[in-house]
Amino acid sequence: ETAASEPYLSELLFSDNRYILNYYIGEPIPMYSYIYHEFVNNFMGNQICYAFKESKYSLTYRMAYSFISGDLYTLVIDGEGKLHAAWCDDTIVDDEMPLRLIRNTNHWRIGRFADYLHCGKMVKPVAYKCGKKKILFRDYDYTFSFDAVLSAAYSNGEDVYQFFINYDEIEECVELNQPGFIVFRSPDDKGNKAETNTITVPPLSMVAIKVSE
C-alpha cells in the first residue's frame, strides 16, 4: 500500500502509490517518479484517507496528478456500478468528468508516447504559468491552491516531451517561457509549431510539446 523501496523494485513492479497522504503534512511532489519511473509503474490506489472536501474536480485533480506522474488511473466502483470518491467512503461522485478525463488521456500511454509516459525517465520540465484552482481541506480550515494545468516532462533517452493535463471541464491556457515549441494535441497528431508562447489545453484533456531531440 505504498510505492516500493529500491531493493524491492524487481519484485514489486506495480504498487499503490498513495501520494495523497502527504497533503496532511504538506503538498506532494512526484519525487518517486523522478527517480524510479523508468524502472517501475504504479497506480493511484483506492484514495482512502484523501484530504479534500468533495468538489466537481477534487477527484479529477487527484487522477490528473497521478497520471502526469506516470501512474495509472484507479476508480472505486461499488456493486451497483456507482463511482465513489474513495475506498470506504460513501460519497457518490458524478462519473461524467472522471470518465471523460480517462477517455481523453489514457491512450497517450500507448503507441508513440509509451516510451515516455509508460517507461520514460522523468526530467526537469520547461517552466510555465497557468491559472489556479482551489480545493478545500476536508478536516481543517485550509484551502489548497493548485495549478489548473499539471505538467511533467519525460525522456526516452533521445527525445524529451512535456505533457500538460487539464482536469477541469473548461479550457485552460498555459504560458511557456518561450515560443516556438512543436505542440501535439493527440497521440496521432504530427505536431504544429506554436506561434506564441501560449498554448490552450482543452477540457479534461492533454497536450504535449517537444522539448528537445
C-alpha atoms as a PDB file:
ATOM      1  CA  GLU A   1       0.000   0.000   0.000  1.00  0.00           C
ATOM      2  CA  THR A   2       2.790   2.352  -0.956  1.00  0.00           C
ATOM      3  CA  ALA A   3       5.462   2.618  -3.626  1.00  0.00           C
ATOM      4  CA  ALA A   4       8.224   0.007  -3.414  1.00  0.00           C
ATOM      5  CA  SER A   5      11.605   0.949  -1.991  1.00  0.00           C
ATOM      6  CA  GLU A   6      14.611   0.472  -4.255  1.00  0.00           C
ATOM      7  CA  PRO A   7      15.710  -3.007  -3.034  1.00  0.00           C
ATOM      8  CA  TYR A   8      12.260  -4.399  -3.945  1.00  0.00           C
ATOM      9  CA  LEU A   9      11.730  -2.800  -7.353  1.00  0.00           C
ATOM     10  CA  SER A  10      12.411  -6.007  -9.264  1.00  0.00           C
ATOM     11  CA  GLU A  11       9.745  -7.854  -7.251  1.00  0.00           C
ATOM     12  CA  LEU A  12       7.108  -5.115  -6.825  1.00  0.00           C
ATOM     13  CA  LEU A  13       6.585  -3.648 -10.272  1.00  0.00           C
ATOM     14  CA  PHE A  14       3.052  -2.337  -9.771  1.00  0.00           C
ATOM     15  CA  SER A  15       2.309  -0.695  -6.432  1.00  0.00           C
ATOM     16  CA  ASP A  16      -0.331   1.513  -4.806  1.00  0.00           C
ATOM     17  CA  ASN A  17       1.352   4.932  -4.741  1.00  0.00           C
ATOM     18  CA  ARG A  18      -0.610   6.778  -2.039  1.00  0.00           C
ATOM     19  CA  TYR A  19       0.780  10.264  -2.532  1.00  0.00           C
ATOM     20  CA  ILE A  20      -2.490  11.730  -1.178  1.00  0.00           C
ATOM     21  CA  LEU A  21      -1.440  11.096   2.434  1.00  0.00           C
ATOM     22  CA  ASN A  22       1.196  13.805   2.053  1.00  0.00           C
ATOM     23  CA  TYR A  23      -1.478  16.517   1.980  1.00  0.00           C
ATOM     24  CA  TYR A  24      -1.887  16.112   5.727  1.00  0.00           C
ATOM     25  CA  ILE A  25       1.624  17.455   6.291  1.00  0.00           C
ATOM     26  CA  GLY A  26       2.289  19.495   3.147  1.00  0.00           C
ATOM     27  CA  GLU A  27       1.974  19.065  -0.609  1.00  0.00           C
ATOM     28  CA  PRO A  28       3.458  16.147  -2.546  1.00  0.00           C
ATOM     29  CA  ILE A  29       5.916  16.367  -5.407  1.00  0.00           C
ATOM     30  CA  PRO A  30       6.498  13.425  -7.811  1.00  0.00           C
ATOM     31  CA  MET A  31       9.994  12.667  -6.497  1.00  0.00           C
ATOM     32  CA  TYR A  32       9.455   8.906  -6.630  1.00  0.00           C
ATOM     33  CA  SER A  33       8.606   9.090 -10.335  1.00  0.00           C
ATOM     34  CA  TYR A  34      11.534  11.419 -10.940  1.00  0.00           C
ATOM     35  CA  ILE A  35      13.905   8.766  -9.606  1.00  0.00           C
ATOM     36  CA  TYR A  36      12.259   5.463 -10.497  1.00  0.00           C
ATOM     37  CA  HIS A  37       9.660   5.847 -13.244  1.00  0.00           C
ATOM     38  CA  GLU A  38      11.854   4.369 -15.960  1.00  0.00           C
ATOM     39  CA  PHE A  39      12.061   1.164 -13.878  1.00  0.00           C
ATOM     40  CA  VAL A  40       8.564   0.766 -12.431  1.00  0.00           C
ATOM     41  CA  ASN A  41       4.942   1.878 -12.908  1.00  0.00           C
ATOM     42  CA  ASN A  42       2.453   2.397 -10.086  1.00  0.00           C
ATOM     43  CA  PHE A  43      -1.259   3.134  -9.807  1.00  0.00           C
ATOM     44  CA  MET A  44      -3.065   5.876  -7.905  1.00  0.00           C
ATOM     45  CA  GLY A  45      -4.612   3.491  -5.388  1.00  0.00           C
ATOM     46  CA  ASN A  46      -8.012   3.466  -3.765  1.00  0.00           C
ATOM     47  CA  GLN A  47      -7.568   7.039  -2.432  1.00  0.00           C
ATOM     48  CA  ILE A  48      -8.567   6.124   1.123  1.00  0.00           C
ATOM     49  CA  CYS A  49      -7.841   8.972   3.573  1.00  0.00           C
ATOM     50  CA  TYR A  50      -7.845  11.565   0.789  1.00  0.00           C
ATOM     51  CA  ALA A  51      -7.657  15.100   2.171  1.00  0.00           C
ATOM     52  CA  PHE A  52     -10.144  17.110   0.090  1.00  0.00           C
ATOM     53  CA  LYS A  53     -13.717  18.183   0.507  1.00  0.00           C
ATOM     54  CA  GLU A  54     -15.722  16.953  -2.443  1.00  0.00           C
ATOM     55  CA  SER A  55     -15.992  19.368  -5.380  1.00  0.00           C
ATOM     56  CA  LYS A  56     -16.524  18.973  -9.107  1.00  0.00           C
ATOM     57  CA  TYR A  57     -12.801  18.484  -9.750  1.00  0.00           C
ATOM     58  CA  SER A  58     -11.397  17.117  -6.477  1.00  0.00           C
ATOM     59  CA  LEU A  59     -11.340  13.591  -7.952  1.00  0.00           C
ATOM     60  CA  THR A  60     -10.174  14.594 -11.439  1.00  0.00           C
ATOM     61  CA  TYR A  61      -7.354  16.630  -9.857  1.00  0.00           C
ATOM     62  CA  ARG A  62      -6.198  13.540  -7.975  1.00  0.00           C
ATOM     63  CA  MET A  63      -6.448  11.488 -11.151  1.00  0.00           C
ATOM     64  CA  ALA A  64      -4.521  14.055 -13.200  1.00  0.00           C
ATOM     65  CA  TYR A  65      -1.752  14.285 -10.584  1.00  0.00           C
ATOM     66  CA  SER A  66      -1.257  10.518 -10.713  1.00  0.00           C
ATOM     67  CA  PHE A  67      -1.410  10.299 -14.491  1.00  0.00           C
ATOM     68  CA  ILE A  68       1.031  13.125 -15.169  1.00  0.00           C
ATOM     69  CA  SER A  69       3.375  11.496 -12.631  1.00  0.00           C
ATOM     70  CA  GLY A  70       3.393   8.328 -14.741  1.00  0.00           C
ATOM     71  CA  ASP A  71       0.946   6.301 -12.628  1.00  0.00           C
ATOM     72  CA  LEU A  72      -2.222   4.551 -13.798  1.00  0.00           C
ATOM     73  CA  TYR A  73      -5.749   5.682 -13.057  1.00  0.00           C
ATOM     74  CA  THR A  74      -7.814   3.928 -10.381  1.00  0.00           C
ATOM     75  CA  LEU A  75     -11.569   4.230  -9.856  1.00  0.00           C
ATOM     76  CA  VAL A  76     -13.507   2.926  -6.844  1.00  0.00           C
ATOM     77  CA  ILE A  77     -16.820   1.471  -8.029  1.00  0.00           C
ATOM     78  CA  ASP A  78     -19.440  -0.196  -5.845  1.00  0.00           C
ATOM     79  CA  GLY A  79     -21.548  -3.259  -6.624  1.00  0.00           C
ATOM     80  CA  GLU A  80     -24.133  -1.119  -8.413  1.00  0.00           C
ATOM     81  CA  GLY A  81     -21.542   0.468 -10.687  1.00  0.00           C
ATOM     82  CA  LYS A  82     -21.572   3.834  -8.902  1.00  0.00           C
ATOM     83  CA  LEU A  83     -18.337   5.800  -8.594  1.00  0.00           C
ATOM     84  CA  HIS A  84     -17.141   6.666  -5.078  1.00  0.00           C
ATOM     85  CA  ALA A  85     -14.724   9.379  -4.005  1.00  0.00           C
ATOM     86  CA  ALA A  86     -12.524   6.764  -2.333  1.00  0.00           C
ATOM     87  CA  TRP A  87     -12.495   3.337  -0.728  1.00  0.00           C
ATOM     88  CA  CYS A  88     -14.623   3.139   2.444  1.00  0.00           C
ATOM     89  CA  ASP A  89     -16.225   6.470   1.524  1.00  0.00           C
ATOM     90  CA  ASP A  90     -19.978   6.741   0.945  1.00  0.00           C
ATOM     91  CA  THR A  91     -19.650   9.866  -1.208  1.00  0.00           C
ATOM     92  CA  ILE A  92     -21.056   9.131  -4.673  1.00  0.00           C
ATOM     93  CA  VAL A  93     -19.294  11.067  -7.432  1.00  0.00           C
ATOM     94  CA  ASP A  94     -20.777  12.044 -10.787  1.00  0.00           C
ATOM     95  CA  ASP A  95     -18.761   9.898 -13.181  1.00  0.00           C
ATOM     96  CA  GLU A  96     -19.068  12.162 -16.247  1.00  0.00           C
ATOM     97  CA  MET A  97     -15.878  14.190 -15.674  1.00  0.00           C
ATOM     98  CA  PRO A  98     -13.673  11.306 -14.476  1.00  0.00           C
ATOM     99  CA  LEU A  99     -14.686   9.113 -17.401  1.00  0.00           C
ATOM    100  CA  ARG A 100     -14.132  11.925 -19.914  1.00  0.00           C
ATOM    101  CA  LEU A 101     -10.670  12.510 -18.464  1.00  0.00           C
ATOM    102  CA  ILE A 102      -9.792   8.831 -18.814  1.00  0.00           C
ATOM    103  CA  ARG A 103     -11.253   8.633 -22.324  1.00  0.00           C
ATOM    104  CA  ASN A 104      -9.312  11.713 -23.478  1.00  0.00           C
ATOM    105  CA  THR A 105      -5.932  10.908 -21.925  1.00  0.00           C
ATOM    106  CA  ASN A 106      -5.357   7.227 -21.197  1.00  0.00           C
ATOM    107  CA  HIS A 107      -4.478   6.381 -24.809  1.00  0.00           C
ATOM    108  CA  TRP A 108      -1.481   8.734 -24.590  1.00  0.00           C
ATOM    109  CA  ARG A 109       0.272   5.973 -22.594  1.00  0.00           C
ATOM    110  CA  ILE A 110       0.374   3.637 -25.595  1.00  0.00           C
ATOM    111  CA  GLY A 111       1.730   3.986 -29.104  1.00  0.00           C
ATOM    112  CA  ARG A 112       4.208   6.729 -29.878  1.00  0.00           C
ATOM    113  CA  PHE A 113       4.264   8.178 -26.340  1.00  0.00           C
ATOM    114  CA  ALA A 114       4.590   4.880 -24.456  1.00  0.00           C
ATOM    115  CA  ASP A 115       8.360   5.385 -24.314  1.00  0.00           C
ATOM    116  CA  TYR A 116       7.704   8.499 -22.258  1.00  0.00           C
ATOM    117  CA  LEU A 117       4.582   8.178 -20.096  1.00  0.00           C
ATOM    118  CA  HIS A 118       4.861   4.413 -19.631  1.00  0.00           C
ATOM    119  CA  CYS A 119       8.588   3.819 -19.255  1.00  0.00           C
ATOM    120  CA  GLY A 120      10.366   7.126 -19.803  1.00  0.00           C
ATOM    121  CA  LYS A 121      12.685   8.927 -17.420  1.00  0.00           C
ATOM    122  CA  MET A 122      11.108  11.959 -15.766  1.00  0.00           C
ATOM    123  CA  VAL A 123      13.288  15.046 -16.352  1.00  0.00           C
ATOM    124  CA  LYS A 124      13.187  18.729 -15.471  1.00  0.00           C
ATOM    125  CA  PRO A 125      10.210  20.371 -17.221  1.00  0.00           C
ATOM    126  CA  VAL A 126      10.053  23.660 -19.076  1.00  0.00           C
ATOM    127  CA  ALA A 127       8.780  26.395 -16.756  1.00  0.00           C
ATOM    128  CA  TYR A 128       5.207  27.525 -17.338  1.00  0.00           C
ATOM    129  CA  LYS A 129       2.447  29.643 -15.859  1.00  0.00           C
ATOM    130  CA  CYS A 130      -1.266  28.933 -15.669  1.00  0.00           C
ATOM    131  CA  GLY A 131      -4.350  29.690 -13.606  1.00  0.00           C
ATOM    132  CA  LYS A 132      -5.118  28.269 -10.179  1.00  0.00           C
ATOM    133  CA  LYS A 133      -7.845  26.044  -8.754  1.00  0.00           C
ATOM    134  CA  LYS A 134      -8.894  25.947  -5.119  1.00  0.00           C
ATOM    135  CA  ILE A 135      -9.857  22.817  -3.190  1.00  0.00           C
ATOM    136  CA  LEU A 136     -10.875  22.859   0.463  1.00  0.00           C
ATOM    137  CA  PHE A 137      -9.201  20.648   3.052  1.00  0.00           C
ATOM    138  CA  ARG A 138     -11.630  18.096   4.416  1.00  0.00           C
ATOM    139  CA  ASP A 139     -10.574  18.099   8.080  1.00  0.00           C
ATOM    140  CA  TYR A 140      -9.212  21.598   8.729  1.00  0.00           C
ATOM    141  CA  ASP A 141      -9.923  25.205   7.789  1.00  0.00           C
ATOM    142  CA  TYR A 142      -7.446  25.330   4.939  1.00  0.00           C
ATOM    143  CA  THR A 143      -7.669  25.905   1.192  1.00  0.00           C
ATOM    144  CA  PHE A 144      -5.260  24.315  -1.263  1.00  0.00           C
ATOM    145  CA  SER A 145      -4.325  26.277  -4.384  1.00  0.00           C
ATOM    146  CA  PHE A 146      -3.251  24.068  -7.275  1.00  0.00           C
ATOM    147  CA  ASP A 147      -2.146  24.753 -10.839  1.00  0.00           C
ATOM    148  CA  ALA A 148      -5.126  24.497 -13.187  1.00  0.00           C
ATOM    149  CA  VAL A 149      -2.901  22.542 -15.579  1.00  0.00           C
ATOM    150  CA  LEU A 150      -0.453  19.916 -14.315  1.00  0.00           C
ATOM    151  CA  SER A 151       2.690  19.059 -16.223  1.00  0.00           C
ATOM    152  CA  ALA A 152       5.694  16.757 -16.367  1.00  0.00           C
ATOM    153  CA  ALA A 153       8.459  16.022 -18.879  1.00  0.00           C
ATOM    154  CA  TYR A 154       9.850  12.631 -19.876  1.00  0.00           C
ATOM    155  CA  SER A 155      12.799  11.397 -21.911  1.00  0.00           C
ATOM    156  CA  ASN A 156      13.168   8.125 -23.795  1.00  0.00           C
ATOM    157  CA  GLY A 157      16.939   8.561 -23.835  1.00  0.00           C
ATOM    158  CA  GLU A 158      16.856  10.567 -27.057  1.00  0.00           C
ATOM    159  CA  ASP A 159      13.879  12.952 -27.239  1.00  0.00           C
ATOM    160  CA  VAL A 160      12.094  14.874 -24.485  1.00  0.00           C
ATOM    161  CA  TYR A 161       8.368  15.603 -24.462  1.00  0.00           C
ATOM    162  CA  GLN A 162       6.464  17.604 -21.885  1.00  0.00           C
ATOM    163  CA  PHE A 163       2.803  16.827 -21.187  1.00  0.00           C
ATOM    164  CA  PHE A 164       0.086  19.163 -19.890  1.00  0.00           C
ATOM    165  CA  ILE A 165      -3.174  17.852 -18.426  1.00  0.00           C
ATOM    166  CA  ASN A 166      -6.332  19.848 -17.709  1.00  0.00           C
ATOM    167  CA  TYR A 167      -8.567  18.263 -15.057  1.00  0.00           C
ATOM    168  CA  ASP A 168     -11.500  20.708 -15.275  1.00  0.00           C
ATOM    169  CA  GLU A 169     -14.377  20.969 -17.762  1.00  0.00           C
ATOM    170  CA  ILE A 170     -13.274  24.376 -19.050  1.00  0.00           C
ATOM    171  CA  GLU A 171     -10.406  25.212 -21.396  1.00  0.00           C
ATOM    172  CA  GLU A 172      -7.196  26.384 -19.749  1.00  0.00           C
ATOM    173  CA  CYS A 173      -4.198  28.327 -21.078  1.00  0.00           C
ATOM    174  CA  VAL A 174      -0.541  27.672 -20.389  1.00  0.00           C
ATOM    175  CA  GLU A 175       2.137  30.337 -20.827  1.00  0.00           C
ATOM    176  CA  LEU A 176       5.580  28.926 -21.614  1.00  0.00           C
ATOM    177  CA  ASN A 177       8.871  30.704 -21.102  1.00  0.00           C
ATOM    178  CA  GLN A 178       9.474  30.932 -24.867  1.00  0.00           C
ATOM    179  CA  PRO A 179       7.579  30.446 -28.168  1.00  0.00           C
ATOM    180  CA  GLY A 180       8.274  28.019 -30.976  1.00  0.00           C
ATOM    181  CA  PHE A 181       7.603  24.628 -29.414  1.00  0.00           C
ATOM    182  CA  ILE A 182       6.008  21.901 -31.526  1.00  0.00           C
ATOM    183  CA  VAL A 183       2.571  21.190 -29.997  1.00  0.00           C
ATOM    184  CA  PHE A 184       0.823  17.806 -30.190  1.00  0.00           C
ATOM    185  CA  ARG A 185      -2.904  17.691 -29.436  1.00  0.00           C
ATOM    186  CA  SER A 186      -3.361  13.935 -29.716  1.00  0.00           C
ATOM    187  CA  PRO A 187      -1.079  10.892 -29.859  1.00  0.00           C
ATOM    188  CA  ASP A 188      -1.647  10.761 -33.629  1.00  0.00           C
ATOM    189  CA  ASP A 189      -1.033  14.464 -34.225  1.00  0.00           C
ATOM    190  CA  LYS A 190       2.014  15.239 -36.386  1.00  0.00           C
ATOM    191  CA  GLY A 191       2.529  18.458 -34.437  1.00  0.00           C
ATOM    192  CA  ASN A 192       2.354  22.147 -35.251  1.00  0.00           C
ATOM    193  CA  LYS A 193       4.762  24.901 -34.305  1.00  0.00           C
ATOM    194  CA  ALA A 194       3.261  27.326 -31.791  1.00  0.00           C
ATOM    195  CA  GLU A 195       3.398  30.918 -32.999  1.00  0.00           C
ATOM    196  CA  THR A 196       3.260  32.312 -29.455  1.00  0.00           C
ATOM    197  CA  ASN A 197       4.335  31.142 -26.028  1.00  0.00           C
ATOM    198  CA  THR A 198       0.719  30.407 -25.040  1.00  0.00           C
ATOM    199  CA  ILE A 199      -0.995  27.102 -25.700  1.00  0.00           C
ATOM    200  CA  THR A 200      -4.513  26.006 -24.827  1.00  0.00           C
ATOM    201  CA  VAL A 201      -5.376  22.727 -23.149  1.00  0.00           C
ATOM    202  CA  PRO A 202      -8.932  21.515 -23.868  1.00  0.00           C
ATOM    203  CA  PRO A 203     -11.237  20.475 -21.030  1.00  0.00           C
ATOM    204  CA  LEU A 204     -10.359  17.176 -19.366  1.00  0.00           C
ATOM    205  CA  SER A 205      -7.635  16.561 -21.935  1.00  0.00           C
ATOM    206  CA  MET A 206      -3.911  16.587 -22.542  1.00  0.00           C
ATOM    207  CA  VAL A 207      -1.469  18.190 -24.958  1.00  0.00           C
ATOM    208  CA  ALA A 208       2.268  17.734 -25.380  1.00  0.00           C
ATOM    209  CA  ILE A 209       5.232  19.766 -26.588  1.00  0.00           C
ATOM    210  CA  LYS A 210       8.519  18.512 -27.948  1.00  0.00           C
ATOM    211  CA  VAL A 211      11.212  19.975 -25.739  1.00  0.00           C
ATOM    212  CA  SER A 212      14.384  18.607 -27.351  1.00  0.00           C
ATOM    213  CA  GLU A 213      15.840  15.937 -29.621  1.00  0.00           C
END
